[in-house]
Amino acid sequence: MLRELYIEDLAVIKSASIPLEENFNAFTGETGAGKSILINGINAVLGQRVTKDIVRTGSEKALITALFTNLSDSVKAKLDELGISYSDDEITVTREIHADGGSIARINNRATPVSVLRELGAMLINIHGQHDNQILMAPERHITILDSFGADDSFIEDYRKSFRELQQCARKLAELKKLEQQASDRMIFLRSVVEKIGPLDA
């Protein structure tokens, strides 16, 4: 779980350390109080795309650090796969966003690609918006929802592999048909030329 969030020079926040408790935590406030900035900070530390205008005016960079505890077995397996050490079922994830547009990501002070941070972040936190229920009304999302409900990616991967092989076969077949058509067109052209000039005398 997300145990603590530290934010520095993010939007209008100069510095804030936010400890979180187990069970339920709530952030309340009027419009413009900064609730969305906290969500943006969490999204940033999870590896989501951010822009340089998120850096506080006059600052060189924004810094977001998150402490995660009680890691799940899947997260620990992913960390082992990445070769990232951890202890006491804890990791610290950091994201720096520079005013010039650059970005640095770290897991336990080890520099890592943002893509890795994004992959791991998806396993650490699920963020749901107030309009997420509308996804259920989008037909193009139904397959994804159904697949996730099945909780077995092996069937999907087998299908994708077979579909890629089918696409390769279809491309090769199209190329062969094109070559066959080109050969047929050349033959028709040669016959028409022969018919016009007639047979050559020996």
C-alpha atoms as a PDB file:
ATOM      1  CA  MET A   1       0.000   0.000   0.000  1.00  0.00           C
ATOM      2  CA  LEU A   2       0.977   3.638  -0.400  1.00  0.00           C
ATOM      3  CA  ARG A   3       2.292   4.558   3.047  1.00  0.00           C
ATOM      4  CA  GLU A   4       3.693   8.036   2.479  1.00  0.00           C
ATOM      5  CA  LEU A   5       3.831  10.593  -0.313  1.00  0.00           C
ATOM      6  CA  TYR A   6       6.366  13.408  -0.456  1.00  0.00           C
ATOM      7  CA  ILE A   7       5.891  16.250  -2.941  1.00  0.00           C
ATOM      8  CA  GLU A   8       8.228  19.132  -3.652  1.00  0.00           C
ATOM      9  CA  ASP A   9       7.764  22.013  -6.115  1.00  0.00           C
ATOM     10  CA  LEU A  10       4.792  20.434  -7.846  1.00  0.00           C
ATOM     11  CA  ALA A  11       2.372  23.017  -9.269  1.00  0.00           C
ATOM     12  CA  VAL A  12       1.456  25.276  -6.306  1.00  0.00           C
ATOM     13  CA  ILE A  13       2.844  22.889  -3.672  1.00  0.00           C
ATOM     14  CA  LYS A  14       6.269  23.942  -2.413  1.00  0.00           C
ATOM     15  CA  SER A  15       6.725  21.027  -0.033  1.00  0.00           C
ATOM     16  CA  ALA A  16       4.365  18.493   1.503  1.00  0.00           C
ATOM     17  CA  SER A  17       4.786  15.178   3.270  1.00  0.00           C
ATOM     18  CA  ILE A  18       1.595  13.156   3.458  1.00  0.00           C
ATOM     19  CA  PRO A  19       1.506  10.052   5.683  1.00  0.00           C
ATOM     20  CA  LEU A  20      -1.274   7.587   4.929  1.00  0.00           C
ATOM     21  CA  GLU A  21      -2.932   5.086   7.216  1.00  0.00           C
ATOM     22  CA  GLU A  22      -4.322   1.629   6.531  1.00  0.00           C
ATOM     23  CA  ASN A  23      -7.973   1.181   5.658  1.00  0.00           C
ATOM     24  CA  PHE A  24      -9.417   4.528   4.533  1.00  0.00           C
ATOM     25  CA  ASN A  25      -7.895   7.940   3.764  1.00  0.00           C
ATOM     26  CA  ALA A  26      -9.840  10.924   2.422  1.00  0.00           C
ATOM     27  CA  PHE A  27      -8.730  14.221   0.894  1.00  0.00           C
ATOM     28  CA  THR A  28     -11.384  16.897   0.972  1.00  0.00           C
ATOM     29  CA  GLY A  29     -11.479  20.564   0.083  1.00  0.00           C
ATOM     30  CA  GLU A  30     -13.028  23.193  -2.119  1.00  0.00           C
ATOM     31  CA  THR A  31     -12.421  23.410  -5.833  1.00  0.00           C
ATOM     32  CA  GLY A  32      -8.869  24.613  -6.367  1.00  0.00           C
ATOM     33  CA  ALA A  33      -7.630  23.424  -2.984  1.00  0.00           C
ATOM     34  CA  GLY A  34      -5.121  21.091  -4.640  1.00  0.00           C
ATOM     35  CA  LYS A  35      -6.763  17.659  -4.577  1.00  0.00           C
ATOM     36  CA  SER A  36      -6.039  17.131  -8.269  1.00  0.00           C
ATOM     37  CA  ILE A  37      -2.381  18.041  -7.718  1.00  0.00           C
ATOM     38  CA  LEU A  38      -2.067  15.113  -5.316  1.00  0.00           C
ATOM     39  CA  ILE A  39      -3.542  12.779  -7.920  1.00  0.00           C
ATOM     40  CA  ASN A  40      -1.191  14.224 -10.553  1.00  0.00           C
ATOM     41  CA  GLY A  41       1.702  13.590  -8.193  1.00  0.00           C
ATOM     42  CA  ILE A  42       0.643   9.983  -7.666  1.00  0.00           C
ATOM     43  CA  ASN A  43       0.208   9.514 -11.410  1.00  0.00           C
ATOM     44  CA  ALA A  44       3.672  10.957 -12.003  1.00  0.00           C
ATOM     45  CA  VAL A  45       5.340   8.629  -9.504  1.00  0.00           C
ATOM     46  CA  LEU A  46       3.517   5.715 -11.150  1.00  0.00           C
ATOM     47  CA  GLY A  47       5.213   6.525 -14.438  1.00  0.00           C
ATOM     48  CA  GLN A  48       2.337   8.239 -16.199  1.00  0.00           C
ATOM     49  CA  ARG A  49       3.001  10.928 -18.774  1.00  0.00           C
ATOM     50  CA  VAL A  50       3.577  14.400 -17.361  1.00  0.00           C
ATOM     51  CA  THR A  51       4.416  17.791 -18.848  1.00  0.00           C
ATOM     52  CA  LYS A  52       7.006  20.312 -17.718  1.00  0.00           C
ATOM     53  CA  ASP A  53       4.334  22.860 -16.783  1.00  0.00           C
ATOM     54  CA  ILE A  54       3.620  20.711 -13.718  1.00  0.00           C
ATOM     55  CA  VAL A  55       6.844  22.097 -12.178  1.00  0.00           C
ATOM     56  CA  ARG A  56       6.270  24.935  -9.744  1.00  0.00           C
ATOM     57  CA  THR A  57       6.962  28.342 -11.262  1.00  0.00           C
ATOM     58  CA  GLY A  58      10.544  29.415 -10.559  1.00  0.00           C
ATOM     59  CA  SER A  59      11.742  25.914  -9.660  1.00  0.00           C
ATOM     60  CA  GLU A  60      14.187  23.779 -11.614  1.00  0.00           C
ATOM     61  CA  LYS A  61      12.371  20.522 -10.987  1.00  0.00           C
ATOM     62  CA  ALA A  62       9.485  18.850  -9.208  1.00  0.00           C
ATOM     63  CA  LEU A  63      10.118  15.838  -6.975  1.00  0.00           C
ATOM     64  CA  ILE A  64       7.617  13.172  -5.985  1.00  0.00           C
ATOM     65  CA  THR A  65       8.579  10.278  -3.738  1.00  0.00           C
ATOM     66  CA  ALA A  66       6.255   7.474  -2.650  1.00  0.00           C
ATOM     67  CA  LEU A  67       6.848   4.824  -0.022  1.00  0.00           C
ATOM     68  CA  PHE A  68       5.047   1.530  -0.642  1.00  0.00           C
ATOM     69  CA  THR A  69       4.775  -1.136   2.049  1.00  0.00           C
ATOM     70  CA  ASN A  70       3.248  -4.626   2.342  1.00  0.00           C
ATOM     71  CA  LEU A  71       4.207  -5.480  -1.214  1.00  0.00           C
ATOM     72  CA  SER A  72       2.150  -8.148  -2.923  1.00  0.00           C
ATOM     73  CA  ASP A  73       3.750 -11.344  -4.186  1.00  0.00           C
ATOM     74  CA  SER A  74       3.266 -10.209  -7.799  1.00  0.00           C
ATOM     75  CA  VAL A  75       5.081  -6.918  -7.133  1.00  0.00           C
ATOM     76  CA  LYS A  76       7.959  -8.725  -5.392  1.00  0.00           C
ATOM     77  CA  ALA A  77       8.176 -11.190  -8.279  1.00  0.00           C
ATOM     78  CA  LYS A  78       8.384  -8.251 -10.699  1.00  0.00           C
ATOM     79  CA  LEU A  79      11.111  -6.603  -8.635  1.00  0.00           C
ATOM     80  CA  ASP A  80      13.059  -9.878  -8.609  1.00  0.00           C
ATOM     81  CA  GLU A  81      12.649 -10.089 -12.375  1.00  0.00           C
ATOM     82  CA  LEU A  82      14.005  -6.549 -12.729  1.00  0.00           C
ATOM     83  CA  GLY A  83      16.883  -7.271 -10.357  1.00  0.00           C
ATOM     84  CA  ILE A  84      15.789  -4.560  -7.917  1.00  0.00           C
ATOM     85  CA  SER A  85      16.473  -5.374  -4.277  1.00  0.00           C
ATOM     86  CA  TYR A  86      14.038  -4.548  -1.491  1.00  0.00           C
ATOM     87  CA  SER A  87      13.774  -5.180   2.224  1.00  0.00           C
ATOM     88  CA  ASP A  88      10.978  -5.378   4.788  1.00  0.00           C
ATOM     89  CA  ASP A  89       8.446  -5.548   1.945  1.00  0.00           C
ATOM     90  CA  GLU A  90       9.075  -1.878   1.158  1.00  0.00           C
ATOM     91  CA  ILE A  91      10.169   0.134  -1.842  1.00  0.00           C
ATOM     92  CA  THR A  92      10.633   3.825  -2.492  1.00  0.00           C
ATOM     93  CA  VAL A  93       9.664   5.160  -5.901  1.00  0.00           C
ATOM     94  CA  THR A  94      10.863   8.604  -7.003  1.00  0.00           C
ATOM     95  CA  ARG A  95      10.119  10.730 -10.043  1.00  0.00           C
ATOM     96  CA  GLU A  96      11.858  13.978 -10.929  1.00  0.00           C
ATOM     97  CA  ILE A  97      10.296  16.245 -13.554  1.00  0.00           C
ATOM     98  CA  HIS A  98      12.634  18.965 -14.770  1.00  0.00           C
ATOM     99  CA  ALA A  99      11.521  22.368 -15.964  1.00  0.00           C
ATOM    100  CA  ASP A 100      13.257  21.748 -19.297  1.00  0.00           C
ATOM    101  CA  GLY A 101      11.011  18.743 -19.938  1.00  0.00           C
ATOM    102  CA  GLY A 102      13.341  15.968 -18.797  1.00  0.00           C
ATOM    103  CA  SER A 103      12.350  13.270 -16.339  1.00  0.00           C
ATOM    104  CA  ILE A 104      14.203  10.814 -14.093  1.00  0.00           C
ATOM    105  CA  ALA A 105      12.670   7.771 -12.408  1.00  0.00           C
ATOM    106  CA  ARG A 106      14.148   5.753  -9.553  1.00  0.00           C
ATOM    107  CA  ILE A 107      13.137   2.666  -7.615  1.00  0.00           C
ATOM    108  CA  ASN A 108      14.990   2.333  -4.305  1.00  0.00           C
ATOM    109  CA  ASN A 109      17.421   5.025  -5.546  1.00  0.00           C
ATOM    110  CA  ARG A 110      18.201   2.982  -8.641  1.00  0.00           C
ATOM    111  CA  ALA A 111      17.635   4.797 -11.926  1.00  0.00           C
ATOM    112  CA  THR A 112      15.114   3.001 -14.091  1.00  0.00           C
ATOM    113  CA  PRO A 113      13.264   3.706 -17.357  1.00  0.00           C
ATOM    114  CA  VAL A 114       9.903   5.396 -16.952  1.00  0.00           C
ATOM    115  CA  SER A 115       8.355   2.489 -18.870  1.00  0.00           C
ATOM    116  CA  VAL A 116       9.459   0.122 -16.079  1.00  0.00           C
ATOM    117  CA  LEU A 117       8.063   2.514 -13.496  1.00  0.00           C
ATOM    118  CA  ARG A 118       4.769   2.559 -15.381  1.00  0.00           C
ATOM    119  CA  GLU A 119       4.641  -1.236 -15.561  1.00  0.00           C
ATOM    120  CA  LEU A 120       5.357  -1.591 -11.854  1.00  0.00           C
ATOM    121  CA  GLY A 121       3.055   1.301 -10.963  1.00  0.00           C
ATOM    122  CA  ALA A 122       0.112  -0.461 -12.555  1.00  0.00           C
ATOM    123  CA  MET A 123       0.658  -3.264 -10.035  1.00  0.00           C
ATOM    124  CA  LEU A 124       0.918  -0.938  -7.040  1.00  0.00           C
ATOM    125  CA  ILE A 125      -2.130   1.324  -7.360  1.00  0.00           C
ATOM    126  CA  ASN A 126      -5.449   1.371  -9.196  1.00  0.00           C
ATOM    127  CA  ILE A 127      -6.754   4.874  -9.840  1.00  0.00           C
ATOM    128  CA  HIS A 128     -10.422   5.240 -10.696  1.00  0.00           C
ATOM    129  CA  GLY A 129     -12.055   8.465 -11.814  1.00  0.00           C
ATOM    130  CA  GLN A 130     -15.617   9.609 -11.307  1.00  0.00           C
ATOM    131  CA  HIS A 131     -16.531   8.742 -14.891  1.00  0.00           C
ATOM    132  CA  ASP A 132     -14.883   5.310 -15.034  1.00  0.00           C
ATOM    133  CA  ASN A 133     -18.293   3.634 -15.019  1.00  0.00           C
ATOM    134  CA  GLN A 134     -18.883   5.052 -18.499  1.00  0.00           C
ATOM    135  CA  ILE A 135     -16.231   2.643 -19.806  1.00  0.00           C
ATOM    136  CA  LEU A 136     -18.873  -0.069 -19.457  1.00  0.00           C
ATOM    137  CA  MET A 137     -20.900   1.709 -22.150  1.00  0.00           C
ATOM    138  CA  ALA A 138     -18.060   1.644 -24.693  1.00  0.00           C
ATOM    139  CA  PRO A 139     -18.327  -1.471 -26.926  1.00  0.00           C
ATOM    140  CA  GLU A 140     -14.627  -1.266 -27.856  1.00  0.00           C
ATOM    141  CA  ARG A 141     -13.718  -1.861 -24.186  1.00  0.00           C
ATOM    142  CA  HIS A 142     -15.965  -4.885 -23.626  1.00  0.00           C
ATOM    143  CA  ILE A 143     -13.408  -7.435 -24.833  1.00  0.00           C
ATOM    144  CA  THR A 144     -10.746  -6.018 -22.499  1.00  0.00           C
ATOM    145  CA  ILE A 145     -13.130  -6.091 -19.546  1.00  0.00           C
ATOM    146  CA  LEU A 146     -14.154  -9.657 -20.304  1.00  0.00           C
ATOM    147  CA  ASP A 147     -10.527 -10.764 -20.694  1.00  0.00           C
ATOM    148  CA  SER A 148      -9.529  -9.169 -17.384  1.00  0.00           C
ATOM    149  CA  PHE A 149     -12.454 -10.894 -15.673  1.00  0.00           C
ATOM    150  CA  GLY A 150     -11.131 -14.253 -16.890  1.00  0.00           C
ATOM    151  CA  ALA A 151      -7.865 -13.605 -14.995  1.00  0.00           C
ATOM    152  CA  ASP A 152      -5.854 -15.862 -17.316  1.00  0.00           C
ATOM    153  CA  ASP A 153      -3.636 -14.061 -19.821  1.00  0.00           C
ATOM    154  CA  SER A 154      -2.310 -17.295 -21.312  1.00  0.00           C
ATOM    155  CA  PHE A 155      -5.350 -17.690 -23.571  1.00  0.00           C
ATOM    156  CA  ILE A 156      -5.026 -14.085 -24.753  1.00  0.00           C
ATOM    157  CA  GLU A 157      -1.324 -14.503 -25.469  1.00  0.00           C
ATOM    158  CA  ASP A 158      -1.955 -17.749 -27.387  1.00  0.00           C
ATOM    159  CA  TYR A 159      -4.598 -15.946 -29.427  1.00  0.00           C
ATOM    160  CA  ARG A 160      -2.288 -13.003 -30.119  1.00  0.00           C
ATOM    161  CA  LYS A 161       0.490 -15.343 -31.215  1.00  0.00           C
ATOM    162  CA  SER A 162      -1.838 -17.248 -33.540  1.00  0.00           C
ATOM    163  CA  PHE A 163      -3.257 -13.989 -34.889  1.00  0.00           C
ATOM    164  CA  ARG A 164       0.251 -12.636 -35.615  1.00  0.00           C
ATOM    165  CA  GLU A 165       1.094 -15.870 -37.443  1.00  0.00           C
ATOM    166  CA  LEU A 166      -2.136 -15.562 -39.428  1.00  0.00           C
ATOM    167  CA  GLN A 167      -1.256 -11.985 -40.353  1.00  0.00           C
ATOM    168  CA  GLN A 168       2.187 -13.087 -41.545  1.00  0.00           C
ATOM    169  CA  CYS A 169       0.639 -15.831 -43.674  1.00  0.00           C
ATOM    170  CA  ALA A 170      -1.880 -13.360 -45.081  1.00  0.00           C
ATOM    171  CA  ARG A 171       0.908 -10.934 -46.021  1.00  0.00           C
ATOM    172  CA  LYS A 172       2.936 -13.688 -47.705  1.00  0.00           C
ATOM    173  CA  LEU A 173      -0.145 -14.868 -49.583  1.00  0.00           C
ATOM    174  CA  ALA A 174      -0.849 -11.310 -50.743  1.00  0.00           C
ATOM    175  CA  GLU A 175       2.764 -10.965 -51.930  1.00  0.00           C
ATOM    176  CA  LEU A 176       2.559 -14.260 -53.850  1.00  0.00           C
ATOM    177  CA  LYS A 177      -0.708 -13.213 -55.472  1.00  0.00           C
ATOM    178  CA  LYS A 178       0.852  -9.907 -56.444  1.00  0.00           C
ATOM    179  CA  LEU A 179       3.861 -11.669 -57.992  1.00  0.00           C
ATOM    180  CA  GLU A 180       1.553 -14.070 -59.784  1.00  0.00           C
ATOM    181  CA  GLN A 181      -0.490 -11.186 -61.141  1.00  0.00           C
ATOM    182  CA  GLN A 182       2.634  -9.360 -62.268  1.00  0.00           C
ATOM    183  CA  ALA A 183       3.866 -12.482 -64.075  1.00  0.00           C
ATOM    184  CA  SER A 184       0.457 -12.906 -65.691  1.00  0.00           C
ATOM    185  CA  ASP A 185       0.427  -9.271 -66.794  1.00  0.00           C
ATOM    186  CA  ARG A 186       3.893  -9.629 -68.345  1.00  0.00           C
ATOM    187  CA  MET A 187       2.808 -12.735 -70.216  1.00  0.00           C
ATOM    188  CA  ILE A 188      -0.286 -10.991 -71.552  1.00  0.00           C
ATOM    189  CA  PHE A 189       1.860  -8.030 -72.616  1.00  0.00           C
ATOM    190  CA  LEU A 190       4.366 -10.262 -74.423  1.00  0.00           C
ATOM    191  CA  ARG A 191       1.580 -12.089 -76.241  1.00  0.00           C
ATOM    192  CA  SER A 192       0.073  -8.814 -77.373  1.00  0.00           C
ATOM    193  CA  VAL A 193       3.473  -7.673 -78.673  1.00  0.00           C
ATOM    194  CA  VAL A 194       3.984 -10.925 -80.561  1.00  0.00           C
ATOM    195  CA  GLU A 195       0.516 -10.673 -82.080  1.00  0.00           C
ATOM    196  CA  LYS A 196       1.227  -7.134 -83.309  1.00  0.00           C
ATOM    197  CA  ILE A 197       4.641  -7.739 -84.865  1.00  0.00           C
ATOM    198  CA  GLY A 198       3.939 -11.266 -85.928  1.00  0.00           C
ATOM    199  CA  PRO A 199       6.320 -14.208 -85.773  1.00  0.00           C
ATOM    200  CA  LEU A 200       9.981 -13.495 -86.530  1.00  0.00           C
ATOM    201  CA  ASP A 201      11.397 -15.018 -89.756  1.00  0.00           C
ATOM    202  CA  ALA A 202      14.167 -17.516 -89.239  1.00  0.00           C
END
